[in-house]
Amino acid sequence: LEAEFLAITLVLVYVGAVMVLFLF
């Protein structure tokens, strides 16, 4: 959808931080 900022924010914030915390 050409929303690169939202895509990288989703990866960095949720996958990189929140989900790592959930997994821990």
mmCIF file of all heavy atoms, coordinates in Angstrom:
data_MODEL
# 
_entry.id   MODEL 
# 
loop_
_atom_site.group_PDB 
_atom_site.id 
_atom_site.type_symbol 
_atom_site.label_atom_id 
_atom_site.label_alt_id 
_atom_site.label_comp_id 
_atom_site.label_asym_id 
_atom_site.label_entity_id 
_atom_site.label_seq_id 
_atom_site.pdbx_PDB_ins_code 
_atom_site.Cartn_x 
_atom_site.Cartn_y 
_atom_site.Cartn_z 
_atom_site.occupancy 
_atom_site.B_iso_or_equiv 
_atom_site.pdbx_formal_charge 
_atom_site.auth_seq_id 
_atom_site.auth_comp_id 
_atom_site.auth_asym_id 
_atom_site.auth_atom_id 
_atom_site.pdbx_PDB_model_num 
ATOM 1   N N   . LEU A 1 1  ? 0.815  -1.221  0.000  1.00 0.00 ? 1  LEU A N   1 
ATOM 2   C CA  . LEU A 1 1  ? 0.000  0.000   0.000  1.00 0.00 ? 1  LEU A CA  1 
ATOM 3   C C   . LEU A 1 1  ? 0.846  1.267   0.000  1.00 0.00 ? 1  LEU A C   1 
ATOM 4   O O   . LEU A 1 1  ? 0.323  2.360   0.204  1.00 0.00 ? 1  LEU A O   1 
ATOM 5   C CB  . LEU A 1 1  ? -0.915 0.009   1.232  1.00 0.00 ? 1  LEU A CB  1 
ATOM 6   C CG  . LEU A 1 1  ? -2.004 -1.061  1.261  1.00 0.00 ? 1  LEU A CG  1 
ATOM 7   C CD1 . LEU A 1 1  ? -2.740 -1.031  2.580  1.00 0.00 ? 1  LEU A CD1 1 
ATOM 8   C CD2 . LEU A 1 1  ? -2.967 -0.838  0.105  1.00 0.00 ? 1  LEU A CD2 1 
ATOM 9   N N   . GLU A 1 2  ? 2.154  1.127   -0.186 1.00 0.00 ? 2  GLU A N   1 
ATOM 10  C CA  . GLU A 1 2  ? 3.106  2.244   -0.211 1.00 0.00 ? 2  GLU A CA  1 
ATOM 11  C C   . GLU A 1 2  ? 3.128  2.996   1.115  1.00 0.00 ? 2  GLU A C   1 
ATOM 12  O O   . GLU A 1 2  ? 3.284  4.217   1.159  1.00 0.00 ? 2  GLU A O   1 
ATOM 13  C CB  . GLU A 1 2  ? 2.800  3.207   -1.364 1.00 0.00 ? 2  GLU A CB  1 
ATOM 14  C CG  . GLU A 1 2  ? 2.951  2.577   -2.725 1.00 0.00 ? 2  GLU A CG  1 
ATOM 15  C CD  . GLU A 1 2  ? 2.706  3.557   -3.847 1.00 0.00 ? 2  GLU A CD  1 
ATOM 16  O OE1 . GLU A 1 2  ? 2.412  4.737   -3.536 1.00 0.00 ? 2  GLU A OE1 1 
ATOM 17  O OE2 . GLU A 1 2  ? 2.816  3.156   -5.006 1.00 0.00 ? 2  GLU A OE2 1 
ATOM 18  N N   . ALA A 1 3  ? 2.946  2.261   2.218  1.00 0.00 ? 3  ALA A N   1 
ATOM 19  C CA  . ALA A 1 3  ? 3.034  2.842   3.555  1.00 0.00 ? 3  ALA A CA  1 
ATOM 20  C C   . ALA A 1 3  ? 4.271  2.274   4.225  1.00 0.00 ? 3  ALA A C   1 
ATOM 21  O O   . ALA A 1 3  ? 4.196  1.440   5.136  1.00 0.00 ? 3  ALA A O   1 
ATOM 22  C CB  . ALA A 1 3  ? 1.768  2.551   4.350  1.00 0.00 ? 3  ALA A CB  1 
ATOM 23  N N   . GLU A 1 4  ? 5.433  2.717   3.766  1.00 0.00 ? 4  GLU A N   1 
ATOM 24  C CA  . GLU A 1 4  ? 6.686  2.147   4.252  1.00 0.00 ? 4  GLU A CA  1 
ATOM 25  C C   . GLU A 1 4  ? 6.921  2.466   5.725  1.00 0.00 ? 4  GLU A C   1 
ATOM 26  O O   . GLU A 1 4  ? 7.472  1.649   6.463  1.00 0.00 ? 4  GLU A O   1 
ATOM 27  C CB  . GLU A 1 4  ? 7.854  2.666   3.412  1.00 0.00 ? 4  GLU A CB  1 
ATOM 28  C CG  . GLU A 1 4  ? 7.846  2.210   1.972  1.00 0.00 ? 4  GLU A CG  1 
ATOM 29  C CD  . GLU A 1 4  ? 7.035  3.120   1.075  1.00 0.00 ? 4  GLU A CD  1 
ATOM 30  O OE1 . GLU A 1 4  ? 6.576  4.165   1.584  1.00 0.00 ? 4  GLU A OE1 1 
ATOM 31  O OE2 . GLU A 1 4  ? 6.854  2.780   -0.106 1.00 0.00 ? 4  GLU A OE2 1 
ATOM 32  N N   . PHE A 1 5  ? 6.519  3.654   6.147  1.00 0.00 ? 5  PHE A N   1 
ATOM 33  C CA  . PHE A 1 5  ? 6.733  4.039   7.542  1.00 0.00 ? 5  PHE A CA  1 
ATOM 34  C C   . PHE A 1 5  ? 5.948  3.137   8.490  1.00 0.00 ? 5  PHE A C   1 
ATOM 35  O O   . PHE A 1 5  ? 6.469  2.668   9.509  1.00 0.00 ? 5  PHE A O   1 
ATOM 36  C CB  . PHE A 1 5  ? 6.327  5.502   7.744  1.00 0.00 ? 5  PHE A CB  1 
ATOM 37  C CG  . PHE A 1 5  ? 6.450  5.970   9.164  1.00 0.00 ? 5  PHE A CG  1 
ATOM 38  C CD1 . PHE A 1 5  ? 7.690  6.235   9.715  1.00 0.00 ? 5  PHE A CD1 1 
ATOM 39  C CD2 . PHE A 1 5  ? 5.327  6.133   9.952  1.00 0.00 ? 5  PHE A CD2 1 
ATOM 40  C CE1 . PHE A 1 5  ? 7.811  6.659   11.025 1.00 0.00 ? 5  PHE A CE1 1 
ATOM 41  C CE2 . PHE A 1 5  ? 5.440  6.546   11.265 1.00 0.00 ? 5  PHE A CE2 1 
ATOM 42  C CZ  . PHE A 1 5  ? 6.688  6.810   11.799 1.00 0.00 ? 5  PHE A CZ  1 
ATOM 43  N N   . LEU A 1 6  ? 4.683  2.858   8.159  1.00 0.00 ? 6  LEU A N   1 
ATOM 44  C CA  . LEU A 1 6  ? 3.878  1.969   9.001  1.00 0.00 ? 6  LEU A CA  1 
ATOM 45  C C   . LEU A 1 6  ? 4.431  0.544   8.978  1.00 0.00 ? 6  LEU A C   1 
ATOM 46  O O   . LEU A 1 6  ? 4.407  -0.154  9.994  1.00 0.00 ? 6  LEU A O   1 
ATOM 47  C CB  . LEU A 1 6  ? 2.426  1.986   8.532  1.00 0.00 ? 6  LEU A CB  1 
ATOM 48  C CG  . LEU A 1 6  ? 1.671  3.297   8.716  1.00 0.00 ? 6  LEU A CG  1 
ATOM 49  C CD1 . LEU A 1 6  ? 0.269  3.182   8.144  1.00 0.00 ? 6  LEU A CD1 1 
ATOM 50  C CD2 . LEU A 1 6  ? 1.618  3.688   10.179 1.00 0.00 ? 6  LEU A CD2 1 
ATOM 51  N N   . ALA A 1 7  ? 4.931  0.110   7.837  1.00 0.00 ? 7  ALA A N   1 
ATOM 52  C CA  . ALA A 1 7  ? 5.477  -1.249  7.740  1.00 0.00 ? 7  ALA A CA  1 
ATOM 53  C C   . ALA A 1 7  ? 6.713  -1.406  8.607  1.00 0.00 ? 7  ALA A C   1 
ATOM 54  O O   . ALA A 1 7  ? 6.837  -2.370  9.375  1.00 0.00 ? 7  ALA A O   1 
ATOM 55  C CB  . ALA A 1 7  ? 5.802  -1.569  6.280  1.00 0.00 ? 7  ALA A CB  1 
ATOM 56  N N   . ILE A 1 8  ? 7.642  -0.446  8.525  1.00 0.00 ? 8  ILE A N   1 
ATOM 57  C CA  . ILE A 1 8  ? 8.862  -0.574  9.326  1.00 0.00 ? 8  ILE A CA  1 
ATOM 58  C C   . ILE A 1 8  ? 8.567  -0.343  10.800 1.00 0.00 ? 8  ILE A C   1 
ATOM 59  O O   . ILE A 1 8  ? 9.201  -0.936  11.675 1.00 0.00 ? 8  ILE A O   1 
ATOM 60  C CB  . ILE A 1 8  ? 9.947  0.400   8.818  1.00 0.00 ? 8  ILE A CB  1 
ATOM 61  C CG1 . ILE A 1 8  ? 11.322 0.019   9.377  1.00 0.00 ? 8  ILE A CG1 1 
ATOM 62  C CG2 . ILE A 1 8  ? 9.608  1.828   9.142  1.00 0.00 ? 8  ILE A CG2 1 
ATOM 63  C CD1 . ILE A 1 8  ? 11.820 -1.312  8.934  1.00 0.00 ? 8  ILE A CD1 1 
ATOM 64  N N   . THR A 1 9  ? 7.561  0.491   11.109 1.00 0.00 ? 9  THR A N   1 
ATOM 65  C CA  . THR A 1 9  ? 7.162  0.680   12.501 1.00 0.00 ? 9  THR A CA  1 
ATOM 66  C C   . THR A 1 9  ? 6.565  -0.598  13.066 1.00 0.00 ? 9  THR A C   1 
ATOM 67  O O   . THR A 1 9  ? 6.843  -0.976  14.221 1.00 0.00 ? 9  THR A O   1 
ATOM 68  C CB  . THR A 1 9  ? 6.150  1.828   12.614 1.00 0.00 ? 9  THR A CB  1 
ATOM 69  O OG1 . THR A 1 9  ? 6.725  3.012   12.075 1.00 0.00 ? 9  THR A OG1 1 
ATOM 70  C CG2 . THR A 1 9  ? 5.768  2.078   14.057 1.00 0.00 ? 9  THR A CG2 1 
ATOM 71  N N   . LEU A 1 10 ? 5.768  -1.282  12.282 1.00 0.00 ? 10 LEU A N   1 
ATOM 72  C CA  . LEU A 1 10 ? 5.187  -2.549  12.728 1.00 0.00 ? 10 LEU A CA  1 
ATOM 73  C C   . LEU A 1 10 ? 6.268  -3.582  13.005 1.00 0.00 ? 10 LEU A C   1 
ATOM 74  O O   . LEU A 1 10 ? 6.211  -4.306  14.008 1.00 0.00 ? 10 LEU A O   1 
ATOM 75  C CB  . LEU A 1 10 ? 4.206  -3.069  11.674 1.00 0.00 ? 10 LEU A CB  1 
ATOM 76  C CG  . LEU A 1 10 ? 3.452  -4.355  11.992 1.00 0.00 ? 10 LEU A CG  1 
ATOM 77  C CD1 . LEU A 1 10 ? 2.545  -4.153  13.197 1.00 0.00 ? 10 LEU A CD1 1 
ATOM 78  C CD2 . LEU A 1 10 ? 2.632  -4.812  10.803 1.00 0.00 ? 10 LEU A CD2 1 
ATOM 79  N N   . VAL A 1 11 ? 7.281  -3.632  12.150 1.00 0.00 ? 11 VAL A N   1 
ATOM 80  C CA  . VAL A 1 11 ? 8.350  -4.610  12.345 1.00 0.00 ? 11 VAL A CA  1 
ATOM 81  C C   . VAL A 1 11 ? 9.214  -4.243  13.543 1.00 0.00 ? 11 VAL A C   1 
ATOM 82  O O   . VAL A 1 11 ? 9.525  -5.088  14.396 1.00 0.00 ? 11 VAL A O   1 
ATOM 83  C CB  . VAL A 1 11 ? 9.203  -4.725  11.063 1.00 0.00 ? 11 VAL A CB  1 
ATOM 84  C CG1 . VAL A 1 11 ? 10.447 -5.568  11.314 1.00 0.00 ? 11 VAL A CG1 1 
ATOM 85  C CG2 . VAL A 1 11 ? 8.385  -5.326  9.939  1.00 0.00 ? 11 VAL A CG2 1 
ATOM 86  N N   . LEU A 1 12 ? 9.586  -2.965  13.651 1.00 0.00 ? 12 LEU A N   1 
ATOM 87  C CA  . LEU A 1 12 ? 10.498 -2.560  14.724 1.00 0.00 ? 12 LEU A CA  1 
ATOM 88  C C   . LEU A 1 12 ? 9.830  -2.596  16.091 1.00 0.00 ? 12 LEU A C   1 
ATOM 89  O O   . LEU A 1 12 ? 10.405 -3.083  17.058 1.00 0.00 ? 12 LEU A O   1 
ATOM 90  C CB  . LEU A 1 12 ? 11.041 -1.156  14.440 1.00 0.00 ? 12 LEU A CB  1 
ATOM 91  C CG  . LEU A 1 12 ? 12.026 -1.032  13.281 1.00 0.00 ? 12 LEU A CG  1 
ATOM 92  C CD1 . LEU A 1 12 ? 12.452 0.413   13.102 1.00 0.00 ? 12 LEU A CD1 1 
ATOM 93  C CD2 . LEU A 1 12 ? 13.227 -1.909  13.504 1.00 0.00 ? 12 LEU A CD2 1 
ATOM 94  N N   . VAL A 1 13 ? 8.610  -2.059  16.161 1.00 0.00 ? 13 VAL A N   1 
ATOM 95  C CA  . VAL A 1 13 ? 7.960  -1.925  17.467 1.00 0.00 ? 13 VAL A CA  1 
ATOM 96  C C   . VAL A 1 13 ? 7.375  -3.253  17.922 1.00 0.00 ? 13 VAL A C   1 
ATOM 97  O O   . VAL A 1 13 ? 7.666  -3.742  19.021 1.00 0.00 ? 13 VAL A O   1 
ATOM 98  C CB  . VAL A 1 13 ? 6.883  -0.828  17.428 1.00 0.00 ? 13 VAL A CB  1 
ATOM 99  C CG1 . VAL A 1 13 ? 6.114  -0.781  18.744 1.00 0.00 ? 13 VAL A CG1 1 
ATOM 100 C CG2 . VAL A 1 13 ? 7.516  0.520   17.144 1.00 0.00 ? 13 VAL A CG2 1 
ATOM 101 N N   . TYR A 1 14 ? 6.546  -3.871  17.090 1.00 0.00 ? 14 TYR A N   1 
ATOM 102 C CA  . TYR A 1 14 ? 5.851  -5.078  17.527 1.00 0.00 ? 14 TYR A CA  1 
ATOM 103 C C   . TYR A 1 14 ? 6.738  -6.312  17.451 1.00 0.00 ? 14 TYR A C   1 
ATOM 104 O O   . TYR A 1 14 ? 6.861  -7.057  18.421 1.00 0.00 ? 14 TYR A O   1 
ATOM 105 C CB  . TYR A 1 14 ? 4.583  -5.276  16.704 1.00 0.00 ? 14 TYR A CB  1 
ATOM 106 C CG  . TYR A 1 14 ? 3.469  -4.356  17.131 1.00 0.00 ? 14 TYR A CG  1 
ATOM 107 C CD1 . TYR A 1 14 ? 3.252  -3.154  16.486 1.00 0.00 ? 14 TYR A CD1 1 
ATOM 108 C CD2 . TYR A 1 14 ? 2.660  -4.687  18.204 1.00 0.00 ? 14 TYR A CD2 1 
ATOM 109 C CE1 . TYR A 1 14 ? 2.247  -2.298  16.895 1.00 0.00 ? 14 TYR A CE1 1 
ATOM 110 C CE2 . TYR A 1 14 ? 1.655  -3.845  18.623 1.00 0.00 ? 14 TYR A CE2 1 
ATOM 111 C CZ  . TYR A 1 14 ? 1.458  -2.652  17.955 1.00 0.00 ? 14 TYR A CZ  1 
ATOM 112 O OH  . TYR A 1 14 ? 0.460  -1.815  18.368 1.00 0.00 ? 14 TYR A OH  1 
ATOM 113 N N   . VAL A 1 15 ? 7.347  -6.543  16.293 1.00 0.00 ? 15 VAL A N   1 
ATOM 114 C CA  . VAL A 1 15 ? 8.170  -7.738  16.155 1.00 0.00 ? 15 VAL A CA  1 
ATOM 115 C C   . VAL A 1 15 ? 9.471  -7.591  16.938 1.00 0.00 ? 15 VAL A C   1 
ATOM 116 O O   . VAL A 1 15 ? 9.918  -8.520  17.620 1.00 0.00 ? 15 VAL A O   1 
ATOM 117 C CB  . VAL A 1 15 ? 8.455  -8.027  14.665 1.00 0.00 ? 15 VAL A CB  1 
ATOM 118 C CG1 . VAL A 1 15 ? 9.374  -9.221  14.517 1.00 0.00 ? 15 VAL A CG1 1 
ATOM 119 C CG2 . VAL A 1 15 ? 7.151  -8.264  13.922 1.00 0.00 ? 15 VAL A CG2 1 
ATOM 120 N N   . GLY A 1 16 ? 10.078 -6.420  16.888 1.00 0.00 ? 16 GLY A N   1 
ATOM 121 C CA  . GLY A 1 16 ? 11.372 -6.250  17.511 1.00 0.00 ? 16 GLY A CA  1 
ATOM 122 C C   . GLY A 1 16 ? 11.339 -6.014  19.001 1.00 0.00 ? 16 GLY A C   1 
ATOM 123 O O   . GLY A 1 16 ? 12.325 -6.275  19.679 1.00 0.00 ? 16 GLY A O   1 
ATOM 124 N N   . ALA A 1 17 ? 10.228 -5.517  19.534 1.00 0.00 ? 17 ALA A N   1 
ATOM 125 C CA  . ALA A 1 17 ? 10.196 -5.182  20.963 1.00 0.00 ? 17 ALA A CA  1 
ATOM 126 C C   . ALA A 1 17 ? 9.086  -5.921  21.697 1.00 0.00 ? 17 ALA A C   1 
ATOM 127 O O   . ALA A 1 17 ? 9.337  -6.674  22.639 1.00 0.00 ? 17 ALA A O   1 
ATOM 128 C CB  . ALA A 1 17 ? 10.036 -3.671  21.131 1.00 0.00 ? 17 ALA A CB  1 
ATOM 129 N N   . VAL A 1 18 ? 7.855  -5.712  21.276 1.00 0.00 ? 18 VAL A N   1 
ATOM 130 C CA  . VAL A 1 18 ? 6.717  -6.250  22.030 1.00 0.00 ? 18 VAL A CA  1 
ATOM 131 C C   . VAL A 1 18 ? 6.688  -7.766  21.967 1.00 0.00 ? 18 VAL A C   1 
ATOM 132 O O   . VAL A 1 18 ? 6.520  -8.440  22.993 1.00 0.00 ? 18 VAL A O   1 
ATOM 133 C CB  . VAL A 1 18 ? 5.396  -5.648  21.495 1.00 0.00 ? 18 VAL A CB  1 
ATOM 134 C CG1 . VAL A 1 18 ? 4.207  -6.258  22.207 1.00 0.00 ? 18 VAL A CG1 1 
ATOM 135 C CG2 . VAL A 1 18 ? 5.400  -4.133  21.660 1.00 0.00 ? 18 VAL A CG2 1 
ATOM 136 N N   . MET A 1 19 ? 6.881  -8.333  20.786 1.00 0.00 ? 19 MET A N   1 
ATOM 137 C CA  . MET A 1 19 ? 6.794  -9.782  20.679 1.00 0.00 ? 19 MET A CA  1 
ATOM 138 C C   . MET A 1 19 ? 7.991  -10.477 21.326 1.00 0.00 ? 19 MET A C   1 
ATOM 139 O O   . MET A 1 19 ? 7.867  -11.597 21.821 1.00 0.00 ? 19 MET A O   1 
ATOM 140 C CB  . MET A 1 19 ? 6.674  -10.210 19.210 1.00 0.00 ? 19 MET A CB  1 
ATOM 141 C CG  . MET A 1 19 ? 5.387  -9.752  18.558 1.00 0.00 ? 19 MET A CG  1 
ATOM 142 S SD  . MET A 1 19 ? 3.931  -10.044 19.589 1.00 0.00 ? 19 MET A SD  1 
ATOM 143 C CE  . MET A 1 19 ? 3.990  -11.781 19.834 1.00 0.00 ? 19 MET A CE  1 
ATOM 144 N N   . VAL A 1 20 ? 9.152  -9.818  21.317 1.00 0.00 ? 20 VAL A N   1 
ATOM 145 C CA  . VAL A 1 20 ? 10.289 -10.389 22.041 1.00 0.00 ? 20 VAL A CA  1 
ATOM 146 C C   . VAL A 1 20 ? 9.988  -10.412 23.536 1.00 0.00 ? 20 VAL A C   1 
ATOM 147 O O   . VAL A 1 20 ? 10.300 -11.387 24.242 1.00 0.00 ? 20 VAL A O   1 
ATOM 148 C CB  . VAL A 1 20 ? 11.563 -9.589  21.735 1.00 0.00 ? 20 VAL A CB  1 
ATOM 149 C CG1 . VAL A 1 20 ? 12.714 -10.025 22.629 1.00 0.00 ? 20 VAL A CG1 1 
ATOM 150 C CG2 . VAL A 1 20 ? 11.942 -9.751  20.272 1.00 0.00 ? 20 VAL A CG2 1 
ATOM 151 N N   . LEU A 1 21 ? 9.360  -9.350  24.032 1.00 0.00 ? 21 LEU A N   1 
ATOM 152 C CA  . LEU A 1 21 ? 8.961  -9.333  25.440 1.00 0.00 ? 21 LEU A CA  1 
ATOM 153 C C   . LEU A 1 21 ? 7.932  -10.424 25.730 1.00 0.00 ? 21 LEU A C   1 
ATOM 154 O O   . LEU A 1 21 ? 8.031  -11.136 26.745 1.00 0.00 ? 21 LEU A O   1 
ATOM 155 C CB  . LEU A 1 21 ? 8.399  -7.961  25.797 1.00 0.00 ? 21 LEU A CB  1 
ATOM 156 C CG  . LEU A 1 21 ? 7.885  -7.791  27.223 1.00 0.00 ? 21 LEU A CG  1 
ATOM 157 C CD1 . LEU A 1 21 ? 9.020  -7.949  28.225 1.00 0.00 ? 21 LEU A CD1 1 
ATOM 158 C CD2 . LEU A 1 21 ? 7.217  -6.428  27.391 1.00 0.00 ? 21 LEU A CD2 1 
ATOM 159 N N   . PHE A 1 22 ? 6.933  -10.582 24.857 1.00 0.00 ? 22 PHE A N   1 
ATOM 160 C CA  . PHE A 1 22 ? 5.944  -11.650 25.024 1.00 0.00 ? 22 PHE A CA  1 
ATOM 161 C C   . PHE A 1 22 ? 6.616  -13.021 25.029 1.00 0.00 ? 22 PHE A C   1 
ATOM 162 O O   . PHE A 1 22 ? 6.291  -13.881 25.853 1.00 0.00 ? 22 PHE A O   1 
ATOM 163 C CB  . PHE A 1 22 ? 4.896  -11.583 23.905 1.00 0.00 ? 22 PHE A CB  1 
ATOM 164 C CG  . PHE A 1 22 ? 3.861  -10.532 24.105 1.00 0.00 ? 22 PHE A CG  1 
ATOM 165 C CD1 . PHE A 1 22 ? 3.898  -9.685  25.188 1.00 0.00 ? 22 PHE A CD1 1 
ATOM 166 C CD2 . PHE A 1 22 ? 2.829  -10.383 23.190 1.00 0.00 ? 22 PHE A CD2 1 
ATOM 167 C CE1 . PHE A 1 22 ? 2.943  -8.709  25.370 1.00 0.00 ? 22 PHE A CE1 1 
ATOM 168 C CE2 . PHE A 1 22 ? 1.865  -9.409  23.362 1.00 0.00 ? 22 PHE A CE2 1 
ATOM 169 C CZ  . PHE A 1 22 ? 1.933  -8.569  24.455 1.00 0.00 ? 22 PHE A CZ  1 
ATOM 170 N N   . LEU A 1 23 ? 7.532  -13.230 24.096 1.00 0.00 ? 23 LEU A N   1 
ATOM 171 C CA  . LEU A 1 23 ? 8.217  -14.517 24.013 1.00 0.00 ? 23 LEU A CA  1 
ATOM 172 C C   . LEU A 1 23 ? 9.041  -14.770 25.269 1.00 0.00 ? 23 LEU A C   1 
ATOM 173 O O   . LEU A 1 23 ? 9.057  -15.887 25.802 1.00 0.00 ? 23 LEU A O   1 
ATOM 174 C CB  . LEU A 1 23 ? 9.100  -14.535 22.772 1.00 0.00 ? 23 LEU A CB  1 
ATOM 175 C CG  . LEU A 1 23 ? 9.829  -15.844 22.462 1.00 0.00 ? 23 LEU A CG  1 
ATOM 176 C CD1 . LEU A 1 23 ? 8.828  -16.958 22.234 1.00 0.00 ? 23 LEU A CD1 1 
ATOM 177 C CD2 . LEU A 1 23 ? 10.713 -15.658 21.243 1.00 0.00 ? 23 LEU A CD2 1 
ATOM 178 N N   . PHE A 1 24 ? 9.692  -13.736 25.778 1.00 0.00 ? 24 PHE A N   1 
ATOM 179 C CA  . PHE A 1 24 ? 10.481 -13.890 27.004 1.00 0.00 ? 24 PHE A CA  1 
ATOM 180 C C   . PHE A 1 24 ? 9.588  -14.242 28.184 1.00 0.00 ? 24 PHE A C   1 
ATOM 181 O O   . PHE A 1 24 ? 9.904  -15.130 28.982 1.00 0.00 ? 24 PHE A O   1 
ATOM 182 C CB  . PHE A 1 24 ? 11.249 -12.587 27.274 1.00 0.00 ? 24 PHE A CB  1 
ATOM 183 C CG  . PHE A 1 24 ? 12.069 -12.628 28.515 1.00 0.00 ? 24 PHE A CG  1 
ATOM 184 C CD1 . PHE A 1 24 ? 13.248 -13.356 28.575 1.00 0.00 ? 24 PHE A CD1 1 
ATOM 185 C CD2 . PHE A 1 24 ? 11.666 -11.943 29.651 1.00 0.00 ? 24 PHE A CD2 1 
ATOM 186 C CE1 . PHE A 1 24 ? 14.007 -13.401 29.726 1.00 0.00 ? 24 PHE A CE1 1 
ATOM 187 C CE2 . PHE A 1 24 ? 12.418 -11.976 30.809 1.00 0.00 ? 24 PHE A CE2 1 
ATOM 188 C CZ  . PHE A 1 24 ? 13.588 -12.703 30.845 1.00 0.00 ? 24 PHE A CZ  1 
# 
